[in-house]
């Protein structure tokens, strides 16, 4: 099953929140993304049904291996694109916003070339 952009965004957010706080609850996702609790609840259910997340005994949200693979990939794309845009002179706020949109549609080939270009520029 191909994960939609919104699913990728949820997984990335779960990873970011886990890194920030050490745990993730649905309310944390709702607050971070500024979405309603019912919307987050529905998305969490879909992600759980498809094997991307699970809950620990205390109800905290955990990424499965499959979910972690996608979340890590999207987060890497986000950081790479943000850095690249900032290196071009784009403000950090705009770079963050644009990278958030771009990370879901950019090809692996283009992302790899950006990484190579950034490495070459730093040498």
PDB file of N, CA and C in Angstrom:
ATOM      1  N   UNK A   1       0.840  -1.183   0.000  1.00  0.00           N
ATOM      2  CA  UNK A   1       0.000   0.000   0.000  1.00  0.00           C
ATOM      3  C   UNK A   1       0.885   1.246   0.000  1.00  0.00           C
ATOM      4  N   UNK A   2       0.656   2.139  -0.931  1.00  0.00           N
ATOM      5  CA  UNK A   2       1.381   3.399  -1.023  1.00  0.00           C
ATOM      6  C   UNK A   2       0.808   4.359   0.010  1.00  0.00           C
ATOM      7  N   UNK A   3       1.675   4.892   0.842  1.00  0.00           N
ATOM      8  CA  UNK A   3       1.262   5.821   1.875  1.00  0.00           C
ATOM      9  C   UNK A   3       1.079   7.208   1.262  1.00  0.00           C
ATOM     10  N   UNK A   4      -0.009   7.857   1.595  1.00  0.00           N
ATOM     11  CA  UNK A   4      -0.280   9.197   1.095  1.00  0.00           C
ATOM     12  C   UNK A   4       0.564  10.224   1.853  1.00  0.00           C
ATOM     13  N   UNK A   5       0.650  11.415   1.280  1.00  0.00           N
ATOM     14  CA  UNK A   5       1.427  12.494   1.876  1.00  0.00           C
ATOM     15  C   UNK A   5       1.018  12.740   3.326  1.00  0.00           C
ATOM     16  N   UNK A   6      -0.279  12.721   3.608  1.00  0.00           N
ATOM     17  CA  UNK A   6      -0.731  12.986   4.977  1.00  0.00           C
ATOM     18  C   UNK A   6      -0.226  11.910   5.929  1.00  0.00           C
ATOM     19  N   UNK A   7      -0.203  10.665   5.483  1.00  0.00           N
ATOM     20  CA  UNK A   7       0.318   9.581   6.311  1.00  0.00           C
ATOM     21  C   UNK A   7       1.791   9.758   6.579  1.00  0.00           C
ATOM     22  N   UNK A   8       2.533  10.161   5.551  1.00  0.00           N
ATOM     23  CA  UNK A   8       3.962  10.421   5.720  1.00  0.00           C
ATOM     24  C   UNK A   8       4.179  11.540   6.740  1.00  0.00           C
ATOM     25  N   UNK A   9       3.344  12.562   6.663  1.00  0.00           N
ATOM     26  CA  UNK A   9       3.462  13.701   7.578  1.00  0.00           C
ATOM     27  C   UNK A   9       3.212  13.260   9.023  1.00  0.00           C
ATOM     28  N   UNK A  10       2.223  12.408   9.212  1.00  0.00           N
ATOM     29  CA  UNK A  10       1.958  11.900  10.560  1.00  0.00           C
ATOM     30  C   UNK A  10       3.148  11.089  11.081  1.00  0.00           C
ATOM     31  N   UNK A  11       3.684  10.211  10.258  1.00  0.00           N
ATOM     32  CA  UNK A  11       4.813   9.388  10.691  1.00  0.00           C
ATOM     33  C   UNK A  11       6.022  10.249  11.027  1.00  0.00           C
ATOM     34  N   UNK A  12       6.298  11.227  10.193  1.00  0.00           N
ATOM     35  CA  UNK A  12       7.416  12.134  10.458  1.00  0.00           C
ATOM     36  C   UNK A  12       7.185  12.885  11.773  1.00  0.00           C
ATOM     37  N   UNK A  13       5.978  13.342  11.994  1.00  0.00           N
ATOM     38  CA  UNK A  13       5.644  14.068  13.218  1.00  0.00           C
ATOM     39  C   UNK A  13       5.812  13.174  14.444  1.00  0.00           C
ATOM     40  N   UNK A  14       5.399  11.922  14.340  1.00  0.00           N
ATOM     41  CA  UNK A  14       5.573  10.984  15.449  1.00  0.00           C
ATOM     42  C   UNK A  14       7.057  10.829  15.767  1.00  0.00           C
ATOM     43  N   UNK A  15       7.890  10.695  14.757  1.00  0.00           N
ATOM     44  CA  UNK A  15       9.334  10.576  14.964  1.00  0.00           C
ATOM     45  C   UNK A  15       9.895  11.828  15.643  1.00  0.00           C
ATOM     46  N   UNK A  16       9.514  12.983  15.155  1.00  0.00           N
ATOM     47  CA  UNK A  16       9.996  14.248  15.726  1.00  0.00           C
ATOM     48  C   UNK A  16       9.573  14.377  17.187  1.00  0.00           C
ATOM     49  N   UNK A  17       8.310  14.067  17.479  1.00  0.00           N
ATOM     50  CA  UNK A  17       7.817  14.169  18.856  1.00  0.00           C
ATOM     51  C   UNK A  17       8.492  13.158  19.775  1.00  0.00           C
ATOM     52  N   UNK A  18       8.725  11.960  19.275  1.00  0.00           N
ATOM     53  CA  UNK A  18       9.419  10.935  20.054  1.00  0.00           C
ATOM     54  C   UNK A  18      10.825  11.413  20.394  1.00  0.00           C
ATOM     55  N   UNK A  19      11.504  12.011  19.418  1.00  0.00           N
ATOM     56  CA  UNK A  19      12.849  12.539  19.665  1.00  0.00           C
ATOM     57  C   UNK A  19      12.820  13.704  20.650  1.00  0.00           C
ATOM     58  N   UNK A  20      11.789  14.513  20.572  1.00  0.00           N
ATOM     59  CA  UNK A  20      11.685  15.706  21.416  1.00  0.00           C
ATOM     60  C   UNK A  20      11.304  15.371  22.856  1.00  0.00           C
ATOM     61  N   UNK A  21      10.283  14.515  23.025  1.00  0.00           N
ATOM     62  CA  UNK A  21       9.721  14.270  24.352  1.00  0.00           C
ATOM     63  C   UNK A  21       9.992  12.871  24.914  1.00  0.00           C
ATOM     64  N   UNK A  22      10.365  11.934  24.041  1.00  0.00           N
ATOM     65  CA  UNK A  22      10.574  10.563  24.497  1.00  0.00           C
ATOM     66  C   UNK A  22       9.327   9.711  24.450  1.00  0.00           C
ATOM     67  N   UNK A  23       8.204  10.316  24.153  1.00  0.00           N
ATOM     68  CA  UNK A  23       6.925   9.608  24.042  1.00  0.00           C
ATOM     69  C   UNK A  23       6.022  10.387  23.099  1.00  0.00           C
ATOM     70  N   UNK A  24       4.972   9.725  22.626  1.00  0.00           N
ATOM     71  CA  UNK A  24       4.027  10.399  21.730  1.00  0.00           C
ATOM     72  C   UNK A  24       2.613   9.948  22.075  1.00  0.00           C
ATOM     73  N   UNK A  25       1.746  10.934  22.234  1.00  0.00           N
ATOM     74  CA  UNK A  25       0.320  10.689  22.421  1.00  0.00           C
ATOM     75  C   UNK A  25      -0.423  11.359  21.269  1.00  0.00           C
ATOM     76  N   UNK A  26      -1.646  10.936  21.056  1.00  0.00           N
ATOM     77  CA  UNK A  26      -2.454  11.545  19.987  1.00  0.00           C
ATOM     78  C   UNK A  26      -2.597  13.045  20.183  1.00  0.00           C
ATOM     79  N   UNK A  27      -2.765  13.476  21.419  1.00  0.00           N
ATOM     80  CA  UNK A  27      -2.925  14.909  21.694  1.00  0.00           C
ATOM     81  C   UNK A  27      -1.670  15.680  21.301  1.00  0.00           C
ATOM     82  N   UNK A  28      -0.508  15.061  21.456  1.00  0.00           N
ATOM     83  CA  UNK A  28       0.748  15.714  21.058  1.00  0.00           C
ATOM     84  C   UNK A  28       0.775  15.941  19.551  1.00  0.00           C
ATOM     85  N   UNK A  29       0.312  14.939  18.804  1.00  0.00           N
ATOM     86  CA  UNK A  29       0.258  15.054  17.341  1.00  0.00           C
ATOM     87  C   UNK A  29      -0.713  16.159  16.955  1.00  0.00           C
ATOM     88  N   UNK A  30      -1.881  16.167  17.587  1.00  0.00           N
ATOM     89  CA  UNK A  30      -2.897  17.191  17.298  1.00  0.00           C
ATOM     90  C   UNK A  30      -2.341  18.587  17.555  1.00  0.00           C
ATOM     91  N   UNK A  31      -1.669  18.745  18.669  1.00  0.00           N
ATOM     92  CA  UNK A  31      -1.101  20.062  19.004  1.00  0.00           C
ATOM     93  C   UNK A  31       0.002  20.466  18.035  1.00  0.00           C
ATOM     94  N   UNK A  32       0.864  19.525  17.682  1.00  0.00           N
ATOM     95  CA  UNK A  32       1.984  19.828  16.781  1.00  0.00           C
ATOM     96  C   UNK A  32       1.503  20.221  15.389  1.00  0.00           C
ATOM     97  N   UNK A  33       0.538  19.459  14.868  1.00  0.00           N
ATOM     98  CA  UNK A  33       0.066  19.704  13.504  1.00  0.00           C
ATOM     99  C   UNK A  33      -1.094  20.690  13.447  1.00  0.00           C
ATOM    100  N   UNK A  34      -1.620  21.054  14.634  1.00  0.00           N
ATOM    101  CA  UNK A  34      -2.780  21.952  14.713  1.00  0.00           C
ATOM    102  C   UNK A  34      -3.999  21.345  14.005  1.00  0.00           C
ATOM    103  N   UNK A  35      -4.188  20.038  14.231  1.00  0.00           N
ATOM    104  CA  UNK A  35      -5.335  19.303  13.698  1.00  0.00           C
ATOM    105  C   UNK A  35      -6.281  18.997  14.855  1.00  0.00           C
ATOM    106  N   UNK A  36      -7.525  18.696  14.521  1.00  0.00           N
ATOM    107  CA  UNK A  36      -8.495  18.337  15.557  1.00  0.00           C
ATOM    108  C   UNK A  36      -8.185  16.941  16.098  1.00  0.00           C
ATOM    109  N   UNK A  37      -8.595  16.708  17.332  1.00  0.00           N
ATOM    110  CA  UNK A  37      -8.380  15.395  17.942  1.00  0.00           C
ATOM    111  C   UNK A  37      -9.088  14.274  17.161  1.00  0.00           C
ATOM    112  N   UNK A  38     -10.317  14.494  16.687  1.00  0.00           N
ATOM    113  CA  UNK A  38     -10.958  13.435  15.890  1.00  0.00           C
ATOM    114  C   UNK A  38     -10.203  13.117  14.590  1.00  0.00           C
ATOM    115  N   UNK A  39      -9.646  14.132  13.926  1.00  0.00           N
ATOM    116  CA  UNK A  39      -8.865  13.897  12.703  1.00  0.00           C
ATOM    117  C   UNK A  39      -7.630  13.062  12.999  1.00  0.00           C
ATOM    118  N   UNK A  40      -6.952  13.401  14.082  1.00  0.00           N
ATOM    119  CA  UNK A  40      -5.755  12.656  14.468  1.00  0.00           C
ATOM    120  C   UNK A  40      -6.127  11.232  14.861  1.00  0.00           C
ATOM    121  N   UNK A  41      -7.215  11.078  15.584  1.00  0.00           N
ATOM    122  CA  UNK A  41      -7.656   9.745  16.000  1.00  0.00           C
ATOM    123  C   UNK A  41      -7.920   8.850  14.791  1.00  0.00           C
ATOM    124  N   UNK A  42      -8.563   9.399  13.802  1.00  0.00           N
ATOM    125  CA  UNK A  42      -8.844   8.644  12.571  1.00  0.00           C
ATOM    126  C   UNK A  42      -7.549   8.269  11.862  1.00  0.00           C
ATOM    127  N   UNK A  43      -6.640   9.210  11.719  1.00  0.00           N
ATOM    128  CA  UNK A  43      -5.360   8.949  11.046  1.00  0.00           C
ATOM    129  C   UNK A  43      -4.555   7.902  11.806  1.00  0.00           C
ATOM    130  N   UNK A  44      -4.525   8.004  13.117  1.00  0.00           N
ATOM    131  CA  UNK A  44      -3.796   7.046  13.944  1.00  0.00           C
ATOM    132  C   UNK A  44      -4.382   5.642  13.747  1.00  0.00           C
ATOM    133  N   UNK A  45      -5.688   5.552  13.691  1.00  0.00           N
ATOM    134  CA  UNK A  45      -6.335   4.253  13.461  1.00  0.00           C
ATOM    135  C   UNK A  45      -5.922   3.654  12.121  1.00  0.00           C
ATOM    136  N   UNK A  46      -5.899   4.464  11.090  1.00  0.00           N
ATOM    137  CA  UNK A  46      -5.508   3.993   9.749  1.00  0.00           C
ATOM    138  C   UNK A  46      -4.047   3.553   9.743  1.00  0.00           C
ATOM    139  N   UNK A  47      -3.183   4.351  10.368  1.00  0.00           N
ATOM    140  CA  UNK A  47      -1.761   3.991  10.424  1.00  0.00           C
ATOM    141  C   UNK A  47      -1.560   2.694  11.206  1.00  0.00           C
ATOM    142  N   UNK A  48      -2.336   2.517  12.261  1.00  0.00           N
ATOM    143  CA  UNK A  48      -2.237   1.297  13.065  1.00  0.00           C
ATOM    144  C   UNK A  48      -2.740   0.085  12.270  1.00  0.00           C
ATOM    145  N   UNK A  49      -3.875   0.241  11.582  1.00  0.00           N
ATOM    146  CA  UNK A  49      -4.434  -0.845  10.766  1.00  0.00           C
ATOM    147  C   UNK A  49      -3.465  -1.302   9.679  1.00  0.00           C
ATOM    148  N   UNK A  50      -2.668  -0.380   9.171  1.00  0.00           N
ATOM    149  CA  UNK A  50      -1.742  -0.686   8.087  1.00  0.00           C
ATOM    150  C   UNK A  50      -0.334  -1.034   8.576  1.00  0.00           C
ATOM    151  N   UNK A  51      -0.165  -1.153   9.886  1.00  0.00           N
ATOM    152  CA  UNK A  51       1.089  -1.646  10.435  1.00  0.00           C
ATOM    153  C   UNK A  51       2.222  -0.640  10.526  1.00  0.00           C
ATOM    154  N   UNK A  52       1.902   0.645  10.515  1.00  0.00           N
ATOM    155  CA  UNK A  52       2.947   1.668  10.606  1.00  0.00           C
ATOM    156  C   UNK A  52       3.231   2.087  12.043  1.00  0.00           C
ATOM    157  N   UNK A  53       2.224   1.939  12.909  1.00  0.00           N
ATOM    158  CA  UNK A  53       2.377   2.300  14.320  1.00  0.00           C
ATOM    159  C   UNK A  53       1.696   1.252  15.182  1.00  0.00           C
ATOM    160  N   UNK A  54       2.022   1.312  16.455  1.00  0.00           N
ATOM    161  CA  UNK A  54       1.383   0.471  17.456  1.00  0.00           C
ATOM    162  C   UNK A  54       1.344   1.275  18.749  1.00  0.00           C
ATOM    163  N   UNK A  55       0.757   0.712  19.788  1.00  0.00           N
ATOM    164  CA  UNK A  55       0.731   1.376  21.092  1.00  0.00           C
ATOM    165  C   UNK A  55       1.449   0.527  22.118  1.00  0.00           C
ATOM    166  N   UNK A  56       2.140   1.199  23.049  1.00  0.00           N
ATOM    167  CA  UNK A  56       2.750   0.462  24.150  1.00  0.00           C
ATOM    168  C   UNK A  56       1.676   0.211  25.208  1.00  0.00           C
ATOM    169  N   UNK A  57       1.994  -0.505  26.276  1.00  0.00           N
ATOM    170  CA  UNK A  57       0.984  -0.809  27.301  1.00  0.00           C
ATOM    171  C   UNK A  57       0.361   0.428  27.963  1.00  0.00           C
ATOM    172  N   UNK A  58       1.053   1.567  27.875  1.00  0.00           N
ATOM    173  CA  UNK A  58       0.537   2.806  28.469  1.00  0.00           C
ATOM    174  C   UNK A  58      -0.226   3.666  27.461  1.00  0.00           C
ATOM    175  N   UNK A  59      -0.398   3.150  26.253  1.00  0.00           N
ATOM    176  CA  UNK A  59      -1.145   3.879  25.231  1.00  0.00           C
ATOM    177  C   UNK A  59      -0.317   4.851  24.407  1.00  0.00           C
ATOM    178  N   UNK A  60       0.992   4.887  24.644  1.00  0.00           N
ATOM    179  CA  UNK A  60       1.841   5.771  23.850  1.00  0.00           C
ATOM    180  C   UNK A  60       2.012   5.194  22.447  1.00  0.00           C
ATOM    181  N   UNK A  61       2.136   6.090  21.483  1.00  0.00           N
ATOM    182  CA  UNK A  61       2.252   5.686  20.081  1.00  0.00           C
ATOM    183  C   UNK A  61       3.704   5.367  19.760  1.00  0.00           C
ATOM    184  N   UNK A  62       3.909   4.221  19.130  1.00  0.00           N
ATOM    185  CA  UNK A  62       5.243   3.781  18.726  1.00  0.00           C
ATOM    186  C   UNK A  62       5.263   3.499  17.232  1.00  0.00           C
ATOM    187  N   UNK A  63       6.343   3.835  16.584  1.00  0.00           N
ATOM    188  CA  UNK A  63       6.526   3.487  15.176  1.00  0.00           C
ATOM    189  C   UNK A  63       6.960   2.031  15.078  1.00  0.00           C
ATOM    190  N   UNK A  64       6.372   1.288  14.156  1.00  0.00           N
ATOM    191  CA  UNK A  64       6.867  -0.050  13.858  1.00  0.00           C
ATOM    192  C   UNK A  64       8.116   0.103  12.997  1.00  0.00           C
ATOM    193  N   UNK A  65       8.798  -0.993  12.704  1.00  0.00           N
ATOM    194  CA  UNK A  65       9.961  -0.910  11.824  1.00  0.00           C
ATOM    195  C   UNK A  65       9.586  -0.295  10.487  1.00  0.00           C
ATOM    196  N   UNK A  66       8.443  -0.715   9.957  1.00  0.00           N
ATOM    197  CA  UNK A  66       7.957  -0.183   8.680  1.00  0.00           C
ATOM    198  C   UNK A  66       7.674   1.321   8.791  1.00  0.00           C
ATOM    199  N   UNK A  67       7.048   1.734   9.881  1.00  0.00           N
ATOM    200  CA  UNK A  67       6.758   3.144  10.098  1.00  0.00           C
ATOM    201  C   UNK A  67       8.016   3.967  10.303  1.00  0.00           C
ATOM    202  N   UNK A  68       8.976   3.390  11.034  1.00  0.00           N
ATOM    203  CA  UNK A  68      10.236   4.090  11.295  1.00  0.00           C
ATOM    204  C   UNK A  68      11.021   4.294  10.009  1.00  0.00           C
ATOM    205  N   UNK A  69      11.002   3.320   9.137  1.00  0.00           N
ATOM    206  CA  UNK A  69      11.717   3.435   7.864  1.00  0.00           C
ATOM    207  C   UNK A  69      11.185   4.622   7.050  1.00  0.00           C
ATOM    208  N   UNK A  70       9.882   4.742   6.971  1.00  0.00           N
ATOM    209  CA  UNK A  70       9.273   5.844   6.216  1.00  0.00           C
ATOM    210  C   UNK A  70       9.508   7.170   6.928  1.00  0.00           C
ATOM    211  N   UNK A  71       9.265   7.209   8.242  1.00  0.00           N
ATOM    212  CA  UNK A  71       9.440   8.449   9.005  1.00  0.00           C
ATOM    213  C   UNK A  71      10.873   8.965   8.902  1.00  0.00           C
ATOM    214  N   UNK A  72      11.833   8.071   9.024  1.00  0.00           N
ATOM    215  CA  UNK A  72      13.243   8.468   8.935  1.00  0.00           C
ATOM    216  C   UNK A  72      13.586   9.008   7.561  1.00  0.00           C
ATOM    217  N   UNK A  73      13.056   8.365   6.538  1.00  0.00           N
ATOM    218  CA  UNK A  73      13.310   8.806   5.169  1.00  0.00           C
ATOM    219  C   UNK A  73      12.731  10.197   4.924  1.00  0.00           C
ATOM    220  N   UNK A  74      11.504  10.409   5.345  1.00  0.00           N
ATOM    221  CA  UNK A  74      10.855  11.710   5.146  1.00  0.00           C
ATOM    222  C   UNK A  74      11.588  12.789   5.948  1.00  0.00           C
ATOM    223  N   UNK A  75      11.967  12.463   7.179  1.00  0.00           N
ATOM    224  CA  UNK A  75      12.660  13.434   8.011  1.00  0.00           C
ATOM    225  C   UNK A  75      14.023  13.794   7.426  1.00  0.00           C
ATOM    226  N   UNK A  76      14.722  12.804   6.884  1.00  0.00           N
ATOM    227  CA  UNK A  76      16.002  13.059   6.218  1.00  0.00           C
ATOM    228  C   UNK A  76      15.797  13.985   5.017  1.00  0.00           C
ATOM    229  N   UNK A  77      14.757  13.714   4.244  1.00  0.00           N
ATOM    230  CA  UNK A  77      14.447  14.572   3.097  1.00  0.00           C
ATOM    231  C   UNK A  77      14.196  16.001   3.565  1.00  0.00           C
ATOM    232  N   UNK A  78      13.418  16.127   4.636  1.00  0.00           N
ATOM    233  CA  UNK A  78      13.073  17.448   5.162  1.00  0.00           C
ATOM    234  C   UNK A  78      14.330  18.215   5.573  1.00  0.00           C
ATOM    235  N   UNK A  79      15.203  17.555   6.342  1.00  0.00           N
ATOM    236  CA  UNK A  79      16.424  18.219   6.805  1.00  0.00           C
ATOM    237  C   UNK A  79      17.332  18.586   5.634  1.00  0.00           C
ATOM    238  N   UNK A  80      17.466  17.682   4.670  1.00  0.00           N
ATOM    239  CA  UNK A  80      18.319  17.948   3.507  1.00  0.00           C
ATOM    240  C   UNK A  80      17.785  19.121   2.708  1.00  0.00           C
ATOM    241  N   UNK A  81      16.498  19.099   2.419  1.00  0.00           N
ATOM    242  CA  UNK A  81      15.911  20.168   1.610  1.00  0.00           C
ATOM    243  C   UNK A  81      15.948  21.504   2.348  1.00  0.00           C
ATOM    244  N   UNK A  82      15.692  21.486   3.639  1.00  0.00           N
ATOM    245  CA  UNK A  82      15.752  22.723   4.421  1.00  0.00           C
ATOM    246  C   UNK A  82      17.160  23.310   4.365  1.00  0.00           C
ATOM    247  N   UNK A  83      18.159  22.478   4.598  1.00  0.00           N
ATOM    248  CA  UNK A  83      19.554  22.951   4.555  1.00  0.00           C
ATOM    249  C   UNK A  83      19.914  23.495   3.186  1.00  0.00           C
ATOM    250  N   UNK A  84      19.491  22.782   2.163  1.00  0.00           N
ATOM    251  CA  UNK A  84      19.800  23.207   0.805  1.00  0.00           C
ATOM    252  C   UNK A  84      19.162  24.569   0.496  1.00  0.00           C
ATOM    253  N   UNK A  85      17.909  24.725   0.835  1.00  0.00           N
ATOM    254  CA  UNK A  85      17.222  25.987   0.566  1.00  0.00           C
ATOM    255  C   UNK A  85      17.848  27.134   1.354  1.00  0.00           C
ATOM    256  N   UNK A  86      18.217  26.886   2.594  1.00  0.00           N
ATOM    257  CA  UNK A  86      18.886  27.919   3.396  1.00  0.00           C
ATOM    258  C   UNK A  86      20.224  28.289   2.766  1.00  0.00           C
ATOM    259  N   UNK A  87      20.928  27.287   2.231  1.00  0.00           N
ATOM    260  CA  UNK A  87      22.223  27.570   1.591  1.00  0.00           C
ATOM    261  C   UNK A  87      22.064  28.430   0.339  1.00  0.00           C
ATOM    262  N   UNK A  88      20.868  28.411  -0.237  1.00  0.00           N
ATOM    263  CA  UNK A  88      20.594  29.248  -1.403  1.00  0.00           C
ATOM    264  C   UNK A  88      20.191  30.670  -1.011  1.00  0.00           C
ATOM    265  N   UNK A  89      20.018  30.897   0.287  1.00  0.00           N
ATOM    266  CA  UNK A  89      19.643  32.227   0.757  1.00  0.00           C
ATOM    267  C   UNK A  89      18.186  32.356   1.154  1.00  0.00           C
ATOM    268  N   UNK A  90      17.448  31.266   1.151  1.00  0.00           N
ATOM    269  CA  UNK A  90      16.048  31.291   1.564  1.00  0.00           C
ATOM    270  C   UNK A  90      16.003  31.404   3.086  1.00  0.00           C
ATOM    271  N   UNK A  91      15.066  32.187   3.612  1.00  0.00           N
ATOM    272  CA  UNK A  91      14.951  32.319   5.067  1.00  0.00           C
ATOM    273  C   UNK A  91      14.617  30.961   5.675  1.00  0.00           C
ATOM    274  N   UNK A  92      15.007  30.776   6.934  1.00  0.00           N
ATOM    275  CA  UNK A  92      14.781  29.480   7.588  1.00  0.00           C
ATOM    276  C   UNK A  92      13.297  29.122   7.634  1.00  0.00           C
ATOM    277  N   UNK A  93      12.459  30.088   7.955  1.00  0.00           N
ATOM    278  CA  UNK A  93      11.011  29.822   8.037  1.00  0.00           C
ATOM    279  C   UNK A  93      10.450  29.373   6.686  1.00  0.00           C
ATOM    280  N   UNK A  94      10.808  30.081   5.621  1.00  0.00           N
ATOM    281  CA  UNK A  94      10.337  29.707   4.284  1.00  0.00           C
ATOM    282  C   UNK A  94      10.931  28.375   3.857  1.00  0.00           C
ATOM    283  N   UNK A  95      12.210  28.159   4.160  1.00  0.00           N
ATOM    284  CA  UNK A  95      12.865  26.895   3.810  1.00  0.00           C
ATOM    285  C   UNK A  95      12.165  25.725   4.490  1.00  0.00           C
ATOM    286  N   UNK A  96      11.820  25.880   5.769  1.00  0.00           N
ATOM    287  CA  UNK A  96      11.101  24.828   6.498  1.00  0.00           C
ATOM    288  C   UNK A  96       9.750  24.532   5.851  1.00  0.00           C
ATOM    289  N   UNK A  97       9.024  25.572   5.534  1.00  0.00           N
ATOM    290  CA  UNK A  97       7.695  25.416   4.931  1.00  0.00           C
ATOM    291  C   UNK A  97       7.780  24.762   3.560  1.00  0.00           C
ATOM    292  N   UNK A  98       8.687  25.242   2.736  1.00  0.00           N
ATOM    293  CA  UNK A  98       8.834  24.681   1.388  1.00  0.00           C
ATOM    294  C   UNK A  98       9.338  23.241   1.428  1.00  0.00           C
ATOM    295  N   UNK A  99      10.303  22.969   2.307  1.00  0.00           N
ATOM    296  CA  UNK A  99      10.842  21.613   2.429  1.00  0.00           C
ATOM    297  C   UNK A  99       9.743  20.642   2.841  1.00  0.00           C
ATOM    298  N   UNK A 100       8.841  21.101   3.685  1.00  0.00           N
ATOM    299  CA  UNK A 100       7.738  20.261   4.151  1.00  0.00           C
ATOM    300  C   UNK A 100       6.855  19.830   2.979  1.00  0.00           C
ATOM    301  N   UNK A 101       6.678  20.689   2.023  1.00  0.00           N
ATOM    302  CA  UNK A 101       5.875  20.340   0.845  1.00  0.00           C
ATOM    303  C   UNK A 101       6.680  19.480  -0.127  1.00  0.00           C
ATOM    304  N   UNK A 102       7.922  19.869  -0.350  1.00  0.00           N
ATOM    305  CA  UNK A 102       8.771  19.210  -1.346  1.00  0.00           C
ATOM    306  C   UNK A 102       9.141  17.777  -0.962  1.00  0.00           C
ATOM    307  N   UNK A 103       9.299  17.525   0.323  1.00  0.00           N
ATOM    308  CA  UNK A 103       9.797  16.228   0.789  1.00  0.00           C
ATOM    309  C   UNK A 103       8.930  15.054   0.352  1.00  0.00           C
ATOM    310  N   UNK A 104       7.680  15.315   0.047  1.00  0.00           N
ATOM    311  CA  UNK A 104       6.753  14.237  -0.314  1.00  0.00           C
ATOM    312  C   UNK A 104       6.732  13.935  -1.812  1.00  0.00           C
ATOM    313  N   UNK A 105       7.253  14.838  -2.617  1.00  0.00           N
ATOM    314  CA  UNK A 105       7.135  14.655  -4.069  1.00  0.00           C
ATOM    315  C   UNK A 105       8.472  14.570  -4.806  1.00  0.00           C
ATOM    316  N   UNK A 106       9.545  14.960  -4.161  1.00  0.00           N
ATOM    317  CA  UNK A 106      10.840  14.964  -4.830  1.00  0.00           C
ATOM    318  C   UNK A 106      11.293  13.523  -5.101  1.00  0.00           C
ATOM    319  N   UNK A 107      11.905  13.310  -6.249  1.00  0.00           N
ATOM    320  CA  UNK A 107      12.383  11.967  -6.596  1.00  0.00           C
ATOM    321  C   UNK A 107      13.649  11.649  -5.815  1.00  0.00           C
ATOM    322  N   UNK A 108      13.921  10.369  -5.656  1.00  0.00           N
ATOM    323  CA  UNK A 108      15.164   9.939  -5.003  1.00  0.00           C
ATOM    324  C   UNK A 108      16.383  10.435  -5.771  1.00  0.00           C
ATOM    325  N   UNK A 109      16.277  10.411  -7.103  1.00  0.00           N
ATOM    326  CA  UNK A 109      17.391  10.867  -7.934  1.00  0.00           C
ATOM    327  C   UNK A 109      17.715  12.331  -7.663  1.00  0.00           C
ATOM    328  N   UNK A 110      16.709  13.172  -7.660  1.00  0.00           N
ATOM    329  CA  UNK A 110      16.931  14.602  -7.429  1.00  0.00           C
ATOM    330  C   UNK A 110      17.463  14.846  -6.025  1.00  0.00           C
ATOM    331  N   UNK A 111      16.907  14.161  -5.038  1.00  0.00           N
ATOM    332  CA  UNK A 111      17.379  14.318  -3.673  1.00  0.00           C
ATOM    333  C   UNK A 111      18.846  13.917  -3.565  1.00  0.00           C
ATOM    334  N   UNK A 112      19.209  12.823  -4.210  1.00  0.00           N
ATOM    335  CA  UNK A 112      20.601  12.363  -4.181  1.00  0.00           C
ATOM    336  C   UNK A 112      21.528  13.403  -4.819  1.00  0.00           C
ATOM    337  N   UNK A 113      21.104  13.998  -5.921  1.00  0.00           N
ATOM    338  CA  UNK A 113      21.926  15.023  -6.585  1.00  0.00           C
ATOM    339  C   UNK A 113      22.076  16.263  -5.701  1.00  0.00           C
ATOM    340  N   UNK A 114      21.033  16.618  -4.973  1.00  0.00           N
ATOM    341  CA  UNK A 114      21.125  17.744  -4.045  1.00  0.00           C
ATOM    342  C   UNK A 114      22.143  17.419  -2.957  1.00  0.00           C
ATOM    343  N   UNK A 115      22.077  16.205  -2.412  1.00  0.00           N
ATOM    344  CA  UNK A 115      23.037  15.799  -1.378  1.00  0.00           C
ATOM    345  C   UNK A 115      24.463  15.856  -1.920  1.00  0.00           C
ATOM    346  N   UNK A 116      24.661  15.345  -3.126  1.00  0.00           N
ATOM    347  CA  UNK A 116      25.993  15.373  -3.738  1.00  0.00           C
ATOM    348  C   UNK A 116      26.464  16.807  -3.938  1.00  0.00           C
ATOM    349  N   UNK A 117      25.571  17.669  -4.407  1.00  0.00           N
ATOM    350  CA  UNK A 117      25.912  19.076  -4.617  1.00  0.00           C
ATOM    351  C   UNK A 117      26.293  19.748  -3.300  1.00  0.00           C
ATOM    352  N   UNK A 118      25.561  19.439  -2.247  1.00  0.00           N
ATOM    353  CA  UNK A 118      25.853  20.024  -0.946  1.00  0.00           C
ATOM    354  C   UNK A 118      27.222  19.546  -0.432  1.00  0.00           C
ATOM    355  N   UNK A 119      27.539  18.273  -0.650  1.00  0.00           N
ATOM    356  CA  UNK A 119      28.852  17.748  -0.243  1.00  0.00           C
ATOM    357  C   UNK A 119      29.962  18.424  -1.027  1.00  0.00           C
ATOM    358  N   UNK A 120      29.770  18.574  -2.345  1.00  0.00           N
ATOM    359  CA  UNK A 120      30.770  19.220  -3.187  1.00  0.00           C
ATOM    360  C   UNK A 120      30.984  20.667  -2.775  1.00  0.00           C
ATOM    361  N   UNK A 121      29.904  21.339  -2.393  1.00  0.00           N
ATOM    362  CA  UNK A 121      29.988  22.749  -1.990  1.00  0.00           C
ATOM    363  C   UNK A 121      30.721  22.931  -0.678  1.00  0.00           C
ATOM    364  N   UNK A 122      30.682  21.891   0.165  1.00  0.00           N
ATOM    365  CA  UNK A 122      31.326  21.984   1.481  1.00  0.00           C
ATOM    366  C   UNK A 122      32.799  21.598   1.442  1.00  0.00           C
ATOM    367  N   UNK A 123      33.272  21.089   0.339  1.00  0.00           N
ATOM    368  CA  UNK A 123      34.677  20.673   0.259  1.00  0.00           C
ATOM    369  C   UNK A 123      35.590  21.815  -0.097  1.00  0.00           C
TER     370      UNK A 123
END
